[in-house]
PDB file of N, CA and C in Angstrom:
ATOM      1  N   UNK A   1      -8.449 -17.497  -5.828  1.00  0.00           N
ATOM      2  CA  UNK A   1      -8.136 -19.183  -5.880  1.00  0.00           C
ATOM      3  C   UNK A   1      -5.900 -18.829  -6.475  1.00  0.00           C
ATOM      4  N   UNK A   2      -5.470 -18.275  -6.707  1.00  0.00           N
ATOM      5  CA  UNK A   2      -4.414 -17.829  -6.893  1.00  0.00           C
ATOM      6  C   UNK A   2      -3.370 -18.833  -6.227  1.00  0.00           C
ATOM      7  N   UNK A   3      -2.358 -19.269  -6.658  1.00  0.00           N
ATOM      8  CA  UNK A   3      -1.129 -19.868  -5.906  1.00  0.00           C
ATOM      9  C   UNK A   3       0.219 -19.012  -5.991  1.00  0.00           C
ATOM     10  N   UNK A   4       0.720 -18.808  -4.694  1.00  0.00           N
ATOM     11  CA  UNK A   4       1.846 -17.693  -4.787  1.00  0.00           C
ATOM     12  C   UNK A   4       2.122 -17.314  -3.612  1.00  0.00           C
ATOM     13  N   UNK A   5       3.508 -17.003  -3.518  1.00  0.00           N
ATOM     14  CA  UNK A   5       3.914 -16.299  -2.020  1.00  0.00           C
ATOM     15  C   UNK A   5       3.313 -14.870  -1.783  1.00  0.00           C
ATOM     16  N   UNK A   6       2.695 -14.723  -0.499  1.00  0.00           N
ATOM     17  CA  UNK A   6       2.642 -13.281  -0.165  1.00  0.00           C
ATOM     18  C   UNK A   6       2.450 -13.669   0.889  1.00  0.00           C
ATOM     19  N   UNK A   7       3.101 -11.479   1.468  1.00  0.00           N
ATOM     20  CA  UNK A   7       3.374 -11.308   2.237  1.00  0.00           C
ATOM     21  C   UNK A   7       2.829 -10.473   3.269  1.00  0.00           C
ATOM     22  N   UNK A   8       2.492 -10.688   4.353  1.00  0.00           N
ATOM     23  CA  UNK A   8       1.201 -10.513   5.515  1.00  0.00           C
ATOM     24  C   UNK A   8       2.205  -9.076   6.779  1.00  0.00           C
ATOM     25  N   UNK A   9       3.479  -8.985   6.436  1.00  0.00           N
ATOM     26  CA  UNK A   9       4.035  -8.154   7.531  1.00  0.00           C
ATOM     27  C   UNK A   9       5.391  -8.499   6.799  1.00  0.00           C
ATOM     28  N   UNK A  10       6.552  -6.732   6.552  1.00  0.00           N
ATOM     29  CA  UNK A  10       7.728  -6.992   6.759  1.00  0.00           C
ATOM     30  C   UNK A  10       8.309  -6.375   6.149  1.00  0.00           C
ATOM     31  N   UNK A  11       9.037  -6.088   5.482  1.00  0.00           N
ATOM     32  CA  UNK A  11       9.808  -5.381   4.275  1.00  0.00           C
ATOM     33  C   UNK A  11      10.001  -5.670   3.022  1.00  0.00           C
ATOM     34  N   UNK A  12       9.440  -5.177   2.711  1.00  0.00           N
ATOM     35  CA  UNK A  12       9.441  -5.425   1.017  1.00  0.00           C
ATOM     36  C   UNK A  12      10.677  -4.155  -0.513  1.00  0.00           C
ATOM     37  N   UNK A  13      11.235  -4.822  -0.649  1.00  0.00           N
ATOM     38  CA  UNK A  13      12.654  -4.150  -1.504  1.00  0.00           C
ATOM     39  C   UNK A  13      11.596  -3.474  -2.487  1.00  0.00           C
ATOM     40  N   UNK A  14      11.671  -2.374  -3.186  1.00  0.00           N
ATOM     41  CA  UNK A  14      11.301  -2.100  -4.048  1.00  0.00           C
ATOM     42  C   UNK A  14      12.278  -0.342  -4.984  1.00  0.00           C
ATOM     43  N   UNK A  15      11.683  -0.257  -5.506  1.00  0.00           N
ATOM     44  CA  UNK A  15      12.327   1.780  -5.662  1.00  0.00           C
ATOM     45  C   UNK A  15      11.294   2.800  -6.103  1.00  0.00           C
ATOM     46  N   UNK A  16      11.867   4.014  -5.427  1.00  0.00           N
ATOM     47  CA  UNK A  16      11.745   5.044  -5.808  1.00  0.00           C
ATOM     48  C   UNK A  16      10.472   5.852  -5.058  1.00  0.00           C
ATOM     49  N   UNK A  17      10.513   4.913  -3.678  1.00  0.00           N
ATOM     50  CA  UNK A  17       9.549   5.639  -2.155  1.00  0.00           C
ATOM     51  C   UNK A  17      10.021   6.400  -1.681  1.00  0.00           C
ATOM     52  N   UNK A  18       9.124   7.237  -0.952  1.00  0.00           N
ATOM     53  CA  UNK A  18      10.124   8.915  -0.394  1.00  0.00           C
ATOM     54  C   UNK A  18       9.897   9.202   0.791  1.00  0.00           C
ATOM     55  N   UNK A  19      11.025   8.320   1.643  1.00  0.00           N
ATOM     56  CA  UNK A  19      11.400   8.078   2.828  1.00  0.00           C
ATOM     57  C   UNK A  19      10.179   8.834   3.839  1.00  0.00           C
ATOM     58  N   UNK A  20       9.980   8.170   4.666  1.00  0.00           N
ATOM     59  CA  UNK A  20       8.500   8.686   5.917  1.00  0.00           C
ATOM     60  C   UNK A  20       7.344   8.203   5.638  1.00  0.00           C
ATOM     61  N   UNK A  21       7.054   8.840   3.861  1.00  0.00           N
ATOM     62  CA  UNK A  21       5.276   8.675   3.284  1.00  0.00           C
ATOM     63  C   UNK A  21       4.485   7.625   3.738  1.00  0.00           C
ATOM     64  N   UNK A  22       3.600   7.928   3.950  1.00  0.00           N
ATOM     65  CA  UNK A  22       2.653   6.513   4.037  1.00  0.00           C
ATOM     66  C   UNK A  22       2.170   6.417   2.923  1.00  0.00           C
ATOM     67  N   UNK A  23       2.098   5.295   2.511  1.00  0.00           N
ATOM     68  CA  UNK A  23       1.998   4.265   1.385  1.00  0.00           C
ATOM     69  C   UNK A  23      -0.018   3.841   1.574  1.00  0.00           C
ATOM     70  N   UNK A  24      -0.596   4.339   0.674  1.00  0.00           N
ATOM     71  CA  UNK A  24      -2.316   3.054  -0.007  1.00  0.00           C
ATOM     72  C   UNK A  24      -1.934   2.260  -0.706  1.00  0.00           C
ATOM     73  N   UNK A  25      -2.792   1.308  -0.586  1.00  0.00           N
ATOM     74  CA  UNK A  25      -3.237   0.512  -2.064  1.00  0.00           C
ATOM     75  C   UNK A  25      -3.444   1.300  -3.024  1.00  0.00           C
ATOM     76  N   UNK A  26      -3.553   1.443  -4.633  1.00  0.00           N
ATOM     77  CA  UNK A  26      -3.719   2.424  -5.269  1.00  0.00           C
ATOM     78  C   UNK A  26      -4.919   2.229  -6.394  1.00  0.00           C
ATOM     79  N   UNK A  27      -5.938   2.748  -6.436  1.00  0.00           N
ATOM     80  CA  UNK A  27      -6.862   2.546  -8.254  1.00  0.00           C
ATOM     81  C   UNK A  27      -6.260   1.383  -8.663  1.00  0.00           C
ATOM     82  N   UNK A  28      -5.174   1.393  -9.206  1.00  0.00           N
ATOM     83  CA  UNK A  28      -4.367   0.606 -10.161  1.00  0.00           C
ATOM     84  C   UNK A  28      -4.055  -0.747  -9.518  1.00  0.00           C
ATOM     85  N   UNK A  29      -4.040  -1.413 -10.224  1.00  0.00           N
ATOM     86  CA  UNK A  29      -4.439  -2.930  -9.637  1.00  0.00           C
ATOM     87  C   UNK A  29      -3.218  -2.922  -8.916  1.00  0.00           C
ATOM     88  N   UNK A  30      -2.297  -3.361  -8.288  1.00  0.00           N
ATOM     89  CA  UNK A  30      -1.041  -4.263  -8.124  1.00  0.00           C
ATOM     90  C   UNK A  30      -0.803  -2.810  -8.105  1.00  0.00           C
ATOM     91  N   UNK A  31      -0.758  -1.715  -7.841  1.00  0.00           N
ATOM     92  CA  UNK A  31       0.301  -0.259  -7.378  1.00  0.00           C
ATOM     93  C   UNK A  31      -0.402   0.132  -6.309  1.00  0.00           C
ATOM     94  N   UNK A  32       0.689   1.070  -5.004  1.00  0.00           N
ATOM     95  CA  UNK A  32       0.983   1.898  -4.700  1.00  0.00           C
ATOM     96  C   UNK A  32       1.383   3.340  -4.553  1.00  0.00           C
ATOM     97  N   UNK A  33       0.777   4.258  -3.328  1.00  0.00           N
ATOM     98  CA  UNK A  33       0.726   5.499  -4.145  1.00  0.00           C
ATOM     99  C   UNK A  33       0.598   5.709  -2.411  1.00  0.00           C
ATOM    100  N   UNK A  34       1.129   7.341  -2.802  1.00  0.00           N
ATOM    101  CA  UNK A  34       1.043   8.069  -1.873  1.00  0.00           C
ATOM    102  C   UNK A  34      -0.205   8.945  -1.231  1.00  0.00           C
ATOM    103  N   UNK A  35      -1.164   8.881  -1.868  1.00  0.00           N
ATOM    104  CA  UNK A  35      -2.083   9.346  -2.547  1.00  0.00           C
ATOM    105  C   UNK A  35      -3.155   8.906  -1.713  1.00  0.00           C
ATOM    106  N   UNK A  36      -4.423   9.462  -0.775  1.00  0.00           N
ATOM    107  CA  UNK A  36      -5.136   7.884  -0.558  1.00  0.00           C
ATOM    108  C   UNK A  36      -6.181   8.519  -1.901  1.00  0.00           C
ATOM    109  N   UNK A  37      -6.706   6.980  -2.345  1.00  0.00           N
ATOM    110  CA  UNK A  37      -7.803   6.764  -3.342  1.00  0.00           C
ATOM    111  C   UNK A  37      -8.995   8.214  -3.201  1.00  0.00           C
ATOM    112  N   UNK A  38      -9.766   8.784  -4.565  1.00  0.00           N
ATOM    113  CA  UNK A  38     -10.576   9.721  -4.188  1.00  0.00           C
ATOM    114  C   UNK A  38     -11.960   8.979  -4.758  1.00  0.00           C
ATOM    115  N   UNK A  39     -12.074   7.964  -5.616  1.00  0.00           N
ATOM    116  CA  UNK A  39     -13.199   7.893  -6.698  1.00  0.00           C
ATOM    117  C   UNK A  39     -13.691   7.054  -6.288  1.00  0.00           C
ATOM    118  N   UNK A  40     -15.566   7.386  -5.970  1.00  0.00           N
ATOM    119  CA  UNK A  40     -16.223   6.529  -5.678  1.00  0.00           C
ATOM    120  C   UNK A  40     -16.473   5.222  -5.798  1.00  0.00           C
ATOM    121  N   UNK A  41     -16.121   4.425  -4.777  1.00  0.00           N
ATOM    122  CA  UNK A  41     -16.326   2.923  -4.732  1.00  0.00           C
ATOM    123  C   UNK A  41     -15.182   2.374  -4.531  1.00  0.00           C
ATOM    124  N   UNK A  42     -13.653   3.400  -4.589  1.00  0.00           N
ATOM    125  CA  UNK A  42     -12.538   3.082  -3.789  1.00  0.00           C
ATOM    126  C   UNK A  42     -12.061   2.827  -2.369  1.00  0.00           C
ATOM    127  N   UNK A  43     -11.370   1.533  -2.562  1.00  0.00           N
ATOM    128  CA  UNK A  43     -11.216   1.415  -1.342  1.00  0.00           C
ATOM    129  C   UNK A  43      -9.922   2.388  -0.654  1.00  0.00           C
ATOM    130  N   UNK A  44      -9.522   2.528   0.275  1.00  0.00           N
ATOM    131  CA  UNK A  44      -8.847   3.570   1.200  1.00  0.00           C
ATOM    132  C   UNK A  44      -7.973   2.938   2.323  1.00  0.00           C
ATOM    133  N   UNK A  45      -6.982   1.805   2.188  1.00  0.00           N
ATOM    134  CA  UNK A  45      -6.703   1.448   3.739  1.00  0.00           C
ATOM    135  C   UNK A  45      -4.722   1.684   3.029  1.00  0.00           C
ATOM    136  N   UNK A  46      -4.255   2.285   4.336  1.00  0.00           N
ATOM    137  CA  UNK A  46      -3.054   2.185   4.405  1.00  0.00           C
ATOM    138  C   UNK A  46      -2.175   1.048   4.228  1.00  0.00           C
ATOM    139  N   UNK A  47      -1.233   1.036   3.555  1.00  0.00           N
ATOM    140  CA  UNK A  47      -0.578  -0.429   3.579  1.00  0.00           C
ATOM    141  C   UNK A  47       0.390  -0.746   4.444  1.00  0.00           C
ATOM    142  N   UNK A  48       1.609   1.081   4.314  1.00  0.00           N
ATOM    143  CA  UNK A  48       2.840   0.401   4.773  1.00  0.00           C
ATOM    144  C   UNK A  48       3.295   2.113   4.691  1.00  0.00           C
ATOM    145  N   UNK A  49       4.355   2.129   4.944  1.00  0.00           N
ATOM    146  CA  UNK A  49       5.309   3.446   5.153  1.00  0.00           C
ATOM    147  C   UNK A  49       6.986   2.782   4.359  1.00  0.00           C
ATOM    148  N   UNK A  50       7.752   4.098   3.722  1.00  0.00           N
ATOM    149  CA  UNK A  50       8.951   3.645   3.552  1.00  0.00           C
ATOM    150  C   UNK A  50       9.708   3.986   5.037  1.00  0.00           C
ATOM    151  N   UNK A  51      10.215   3.092   4.435  1.00  0.00           N
ATOM    152  CA  UNK A  51      11.829   3.565   5.470  1.00  0.00           C
ATOM    153  C   UNK A  51      12.603   3.879   4.718  1.00  0.00           C
ATOM    154  N   UNK A  52      13.375   3.740   3.660  1.00  0.00           N
ATOM    155  CA  UNK A  52      14.314   4.486   2.858  1.00  0.00           C
ATOM    156  C   UNK A  52      13.305   4.415   1.481  1.00  0.00           C
ATOM    157  N   UNK A  53      14.288   4.962   0.636  1.00  0.00           N
ATOM    158  CA  UNK A  53      14.388   4.793  -0.643  1.00  0.00           C
ATOM    159  C   UNK A  53      13.524   3.915  -1.865  1.00  0.00           C
ATOM    160  N   UNK A  54      13.957   2.723  -0.984  1.00  0.00           N
ATOM    161  CA  UNK A  54      13.597   1.485  -1.286  1.00  0.00           C
ATOM    162  C   UNK A  54      12.967   0.407  -0.646  1.00  0.00           C
ATOM    163  N   UNK A  55      12.884   0.844   0.322  1.00  0.00           N
ATOM    164  CA  UNK A  55      12.194  -0.257   1.680  1.00  0.00           C
ATOM    165  C   UNK A  55      10.817   0.074   1.870  1.00  0.00           C
ATOM    166  N   UNK A  56      10.064  -0.514   2.029  1.00  0.00           N
ATOM    167  CA  UNK A  56       8.936  -0.428   1.709  1.00  0.00           C
ATOM    168  C   UNK A  56       8.137  -1.247   3.441  1.00  0.00           C
ATOM    169  N   UNK A  57       8.099  -0.793   4.768  1.00  0.00           N
ATOM    170  CA  UNK A  57       7.530  -1.817   5.629  1.00  0.00           C
ATOM    171  C   UNK A  57       6.080  -2.011   5.651  1.00  0.00           C
ATOM    172  N   UNK A  58       5.988  -2.914   5.237  1.00  0.00           N
ATOM    173  CA  UNK A  58       4.335  -3.671   4.699  1.00  0.00           C
ATOM    174  C   UNK A  58       3.814  -4.216   6.018  1.00  0.00           C
ATOM    175  N   UNK A  59       3.047  -3.086   6.725  1.00  0.00           N
ATOM    176  CA  UNK A  59       1.874  -4.097   7.351  1.00  0.00           C
ATOM    177  C   UNK A  59       0.138  -2.947   7.255  1.00  0.00           C
ATOM    178  N   UNK A  60      -0.311  -3.851   6.396  1.00  0.00           N
ATOM    179  CA  UNK A  60      -2.077  -2.935   6.190  1.00  0.00           C
ATOM    180  C   UNK A  60      -2.534  -2.645   7.354  1.00  0.00           C
ATOM    181  N   UNK A  61      -3.171  -2.120   7.156  1.00  0.00           N
ATOM    182  CA  UNK A  61      -4.432  -1.681   8.657  1.00  0.00           C
ATOM    183  C   UNK A  61      -5.088  -2.444   8.953  1.00  0.00           C
ATOM    184  N   UNK A  62      -5.775  -2.742   9.403  1.00  0.00           N
ATOM    185  CA  UNK A  62      -7.169  -3.492   9.644  1.00  0.00           C
ATOM    186  C   UNK A  62      -8.175  -2.791   9.408  1.00  0.00           C
ATOM    187  N   UNK A  63      -8.610  -1.211   9.440  1.00  0.00           N
ATOM    188  CA  UNK A  63      -8.902  -0.147   8.691  1.00  0.00           C
ATOM    189  C   UNK A  63      -9.115   0.205   7.303  1.00  0.00           C
ATOM    190  N   UNK A  64     -10.205   0.501   7.224  1.00  0.00           N
ATOM    191  CA  UNK A  64     -10.377   0.739   6.013  1.00  0.00           C
ATOM    192  C   UNK A  64     -11.771   1.572   5.594  1.00  0.00           C
ATOM    193  N   UNK A  65     -11.898   1.959   3.798  1.00  0.00           N
ATOM    194  CA  UNK A  65     -13.182   2.896   3.951  1.00  0.00           C
ATOM    195  C   UNK A  65     -13.579   2.568   2.819  1.00  0.00           C
ATOM    196  N   UNK A  66     -14.468   2.071   1.965  1.00  0.00           N
ATOM    197  CA  UNK A  66     -15.102   2.396   0.843  1.00  0.00           C
ATOM    198  C   UNK A  66     -15.342   3.206   0.260  1.00  0.00           C
ATOM    199  N   UNK A  67     -15.442   4.410  -0.227  1.00  0.00           N
ATOM    200  CA  UNK A  67     -15.889   5.412  -0.788  1.00  0.00           C
ATOM    201  C   UNK A  67     -16.925   5.644  -1.528  1.00  0.00           C
ATOM    202  N   UNK A  68     -17.669   6.354  -0.957  1.00  0.00           N
ATOM    203  CA  UNK A  68     -19.593   6.355  -2.147  1.00  0.00           C
ATOM    204  C   UNK A  68     -19.554   7.646  -2.796  1.00  0.00           C
TER     205      UNK A  68
END
């Protein structure tokens, strides 16, 4: 029920990315990581890849798994 601006697909400007790396949603709320989560109950979902050290091409996969 939050109100705000949300991005579905496209370039997201940030810092500290590893060029060419695939990024996943992190187990830390709101975070991203190059390491797929491994904790039981965590969701593994690719969210995009780094086009440069400051540009993440955000395009979340429709596929994901919940770890047991």
